[in-house]
C-alpha atoms as a PDB file:
ATOM      1  CA  UNK A   1     169.146 188.943  39.707  1.00  0.00           C
ATOM      2  CA  UNK A   2     168.041 187.260  35.997  1.00  0.00           C
ATOM      3  CA  UNK A   3     169.984 185.596  33.889  1.00  0.00           C
ATOM      4  CA  UNK A   4     169.068 185.788  30.083  1.00  0.00           C
ATOM      5  CA  UNK A   5     170.053 183.462  27.007  1.00  0.00           C
ATOM      6  CA  UNK A   6     168.669 184.033  23.627  1.00  0.00           C
ATOM      7  CA  UNK A   7     170.224 182.513  20.112  1.00  0.00           C
ATOM      8  CA  UNK A   8     169.607 183.659  16.760  1.00  0.00           C
ATOM      9  CA  UNK A   9     171.527 183.413  13.366  1.00  0.00           C
ATOM     10  CA  UNK A  10     174.281 185.197  12.037  1.00  0.00           C
ATOM     11  CA  UNK A  11     173.889 185.394   8.127  1.00  0.00           C
ATOM     12  CA  UNK A  12     177.316 183.619   6.720  1.00  0.00           C
ATOM     13  CA  UNK A  13     178.259 186.485   4.705  1.00  0.00           C
ATOM     14  CA  UNK A  14     177.923 188.876   7.524  1.00  0.00           C
ATOM     15  CA  UNK A  15     180.053 187.318  10.077  1.00  0.00           C
ATOM     16  CA  UNK A  16     183.220 189.610   9.247  1.00  0.00           C
ATOM     17  CA  UNK A  17     180.614 192.709   9.337  1.00  0.00           C
ATOM     18  CA  UNK A  18     179.157 191.812  12.668  1.00  0.00           C
ATOM     19  CA  UNK A  19     182.342 191.011  14.407  1.00  0.00           C
ATOM     20  CA  UNK A  20     183.557 194.568  13.129  1.00  0.00           C
ATOM     21  CA  UNK A  21     180.636 196.101  14.741  1.00  0.00           C
ATOM     22  CA  UNK A  22     181.006 194.480  17.746  1.00  0.00           C
ATOM     23  CA  UNK A  23     184.585 195.330  18.020  1.00  0.00           C
ATOM     24  CA  UNK A  24     183.956 198.972  18.199  1.00  0.00           C
ATOM     25  CA  UNK A  25     180.161 199.061  19.806  1.00  0.00           C
ATOM     26  CA  UNK A  26     178.913 202.832  20.139  1.00  0.00           C
ATOM     27  CA  UNK A  27     179.038 204.431  22.990  1.00  0.00           C
ATOM     28  CA  UNK A  28     175.644 205.482  23.575  1.00  0.00           C
ATOM     29  CA  UNK A  29     174.654 202.197  23.104  1.00  0.00           C
ATOM     30  CA  UNK A  30     176.862 200.310  25.811  1.00  0.00           C
ATOM     31  CA  UNK A  31     175.450 203.336  27.765  1.00  0.00           C
ATOM     32  CA  UNK A  32     171.789 202.237  27.287  1.00  0.00           C
ATOM     33  CA  UNK A  33     172.601 199.037  27.887  1.00  0.00           C
ATOM     34  CA  UNK A  34     173.760 199.807  31.599  1.00  0.00           C
ATOM     35  CA  UNK A  35     170.857 202.166  31.933  1.00  0.00           C
ATOM     36  CA  UNK A  36     168.610 199.329  31.632  1.00  0.00           C
ATOM     37  CA  UNK A  37     170.429 197.108  34.427  1.00  0.00           C
ATOM     38  CA  UNK A  38     171.927 194.805  31.973  1.00  0.00           C
ATOM     39  CA  UNK A  39     175.155 193.416  33.211  1.00  0.00           C
ATOM     40  CA  UNK A  40     177.929 190.806  32.089  1.00  0.00           C
ATOM     41  CA  UNK A  41     176.859 191.061  28.955  1.00  0.00           C
ATOM     42  CA  UNK A  42     178.315 188.590  26.315  1.00  0.00           C
ATOM     43  CA  UNK A  43     177.694 187.558  22.707  1.00  0.00           C
ATOM     44  CA  UNK A  44     179.244 184.207  21.474  1.00  0.00           C
ATOM     45  CA  UNK A  45     179.290 183.001  18.134  1.00  0.00           C
ATOM     46  CA  UNK A  46     179.495 179.612  17.266  1.00  0.00           C
ATOM     47  CA  UNK A  47     181.099 178.625  13.284  1.00  0.00           C
ATOM     48  CA  UNK A  48     180.824 177.482  11.063  1.00  0.00           C
ATOM     49  CA  UNK A  49     176.833 176.862  11.986  1.00  0.00           C
ATOM     50  CA  UNK A  50     177.065 180.708  12.400  1.00  0.00           C
ATOM     51  CA  UNK A  51     174.991 180.638  15.508  1.00  0.00           C
ATOM     52  CA  UNK A  52     175.130 183.475  17.911  1.00  0.00           C
ATOM     53  CA  UNK A  53     174.209 183.097  21.500  1.00  0.00           C
ATOM     54  CA  UNK A  54     173.889 185.840  24.030  1.00  0.00           C
ATOM     55  CA  UNK A  55     173.895 186.006  27.781  1.00  0.00           C
ATOM     56  CA  UNK A  56     173.338 188.937  30.461  1.00  0.00           C
ATOM     57  CA  UNK A  57     172.319 189.458  33.776  1.00  0.00           C
ATOM     58  CA  UNK A  58     169.206 191.865  34.851  1.00  0.00           C
ATOM     59  CA  UNK A  59     169.579 193.890  37.647  1.00  0.00           C
ATOM     60  CA  UNK A  60     166.536 196.094  37.422  1.00  0.00           C
ATOM     61  CA  UNK A  61     163.221 195.820  38.811  1.00  0.00           C
ATOM     62  CA  UNK A  62     161.246 195.757  35.765  1.00  0.00           C
ATOM     63  CA  UNK A  63     162.231 193.858  32.919  1.00  0.00           C
ATOM     64  CA  UNK A  64     159.620 194.552  30.589  1.00  0.00           C
ATOM     65  CA  UNK A  65     160.086 198.532  30.964  1.00  0.00           C
ATOM     66  CA  UNK A  66     163.548 198.607  30.760  1.00  0.00           C
ATOM     67  CA  UNK A  67     163.299 196.753  27.525  1.00  0.00           C
ATOM     68  CA  UNK A  68     160.752 199.425  26.468  1.00  0.00           C
ATOM     69  CA  UNK A  69     163.252 202.249  27.531  1.00  0.00           C
ATOM     70  CA  UNK A  70     165.991 200.818  25.123  1.00  0.00           C
ATOM     71  CA  UNK A  71     163.552 199.667  22.334  1.00  0.00           C
ATOM     72  CA  UNK A  72     162.503 203.884  22.442  1.00  0.00           C
ATOM     73  CA  UNK A  73     166.196 204.898  22.217  1.00  0.00           C
ATOM     74  CA  UNK A  74     166.739 206.604  18.658  1.00  0.00           C
ATOM     75  CA  UNK A  75     170.877 205.556  18.745  1.00  0.00           C
ATOM     76  CA  UNK A  76     169.898 201.988  19.959  1.00  0.00           C
ATOM     77  CA  UNK A  77     167.329 201.890  17.380  1.00  0.00           C
ATOM     78  CA  UNK A  78     170.138 202.739  14.923  1.00  0.00           C
ATOM     79  CA  UNK A  79     172.362 200.124  15.841  1.00  0.00           C
ATOM     80  CA  UNK A  80     169.781 197.600  15.638  1.00  0.00           C
ATOM     81  CA  UNK A  81     168.959 198.740  11.930  1.00  0.00           C
ATOM     82  CA  UNK A  82     172.977 198.365  11.126  1.00  0.00           C
ATOM     83  CA  UNK A  83     173.086 194.738  13.096  1.00  0.00           C
ATOM     84  CA  UNK A  84     169.793 193.365  12.124  1.00  0.00           C
ATOM     85  CA  UNK A  85     170.792 192.825   8.267  1.00  0.00           C
ATOM     86  CA  UNK A  86     173.575 190.544   9.226  1.00  0.00           C
ATOM     87  CA  UNK A  87     171.163 188.432  11.391  1.00  0.00           C
ATOM     88  CA  UNK A  88     168.277 186.034  10.823  1.00  0.00           C
ATOM     89  CA  UNK A  89     165.793 184.633  13.277  1.00  0.00           C
ATOM     90  CA  UNK A  90     165.688 180.424  13.598  1.00  0.00           C
ATOM     91  CA  UNK A  91     163.666 178.398  11.468  1.00  0.00           C
ATOM     92  CA  UNK A  92     161.526 177.680  14.740  1.00  0.00           C
ATOM     93  CA  UNK A  93     161.138 181.568  15.574  1.00  0.00           C
ATOM     94  CA  UNK A  94     157.461 182.674  16.009  1.00  0.00           C
ATOM     95  CA  UNK A  95     156.300 185.669  13.719  1.00  0.00           C
ATOM     96  CA  UNK A  96     158.012 188.973  15.291  1.00  0.00           C
ATOM     97  CA  UNK A  97     160.533 186.712  17.121  1.00  0.00           C
ATOM     98  CA  UNK A  98     164.043 187.704  16.434  1.00  0.00           C
ATOM     99  CA  UNK A  99     166.609 186.962  19.342  1.00  0.00           C
ATOM    100  CA  UNK A 100     164.931 183.567  20.691  1.00  0.00           C
ATOM    101  CA  UNK A 101     165.198 183.375  24.670  1.00  0.00           C
ATOM    102  CA  UNK A 102     166.388 180.423  26.062  1.00  0.00           C
ATOM    103  CA  UNK A 103     165.021 178.281  28.849  1.00  0.00           C
ATOM    104  CA  UNK A 104     167.608 178.609  31.948  1.00  0.00           C
ATOM    105  CA  UNK A 105     167.853 174.639  33.094  1.00  0.00           C
ATOM    106  CA  UNK A 106     171.237 175.018  35.007  1.00  0.00           C
ATOM    107  CA  UNK A 107     173.019 177.155  36.804  1.00  0.00           C
ATOM    108  CA  UNK A 108     175.897 176.919  39.323  1.00  0.00           C
ATOM    109  CA  UNK A 109     177.453 180.168  40.906  1.00  0.00           C
END
């Protein structure tokens, strides 16, 4: 099991829209997440800084292949096109980086 934590900013004027979208995630997107071996997926919001923190557990054998499968899924691409305008990368993001993966420094079961 691999634990993944990532962070991104949320545009202040898009907070309500982002919450609304995630209150009713499209079933095809949820199914693709499961098919790509992602479990225990949670997104947290910290206001007023408008930081999004996502956490999930990857239970598959080939993370890169599962991520590519998800990225190729048309309904997921459509979902991302709706959600991405709500978000903006951190100032420290590298070129092409969106959600920034975080280092796992502590864990207790």
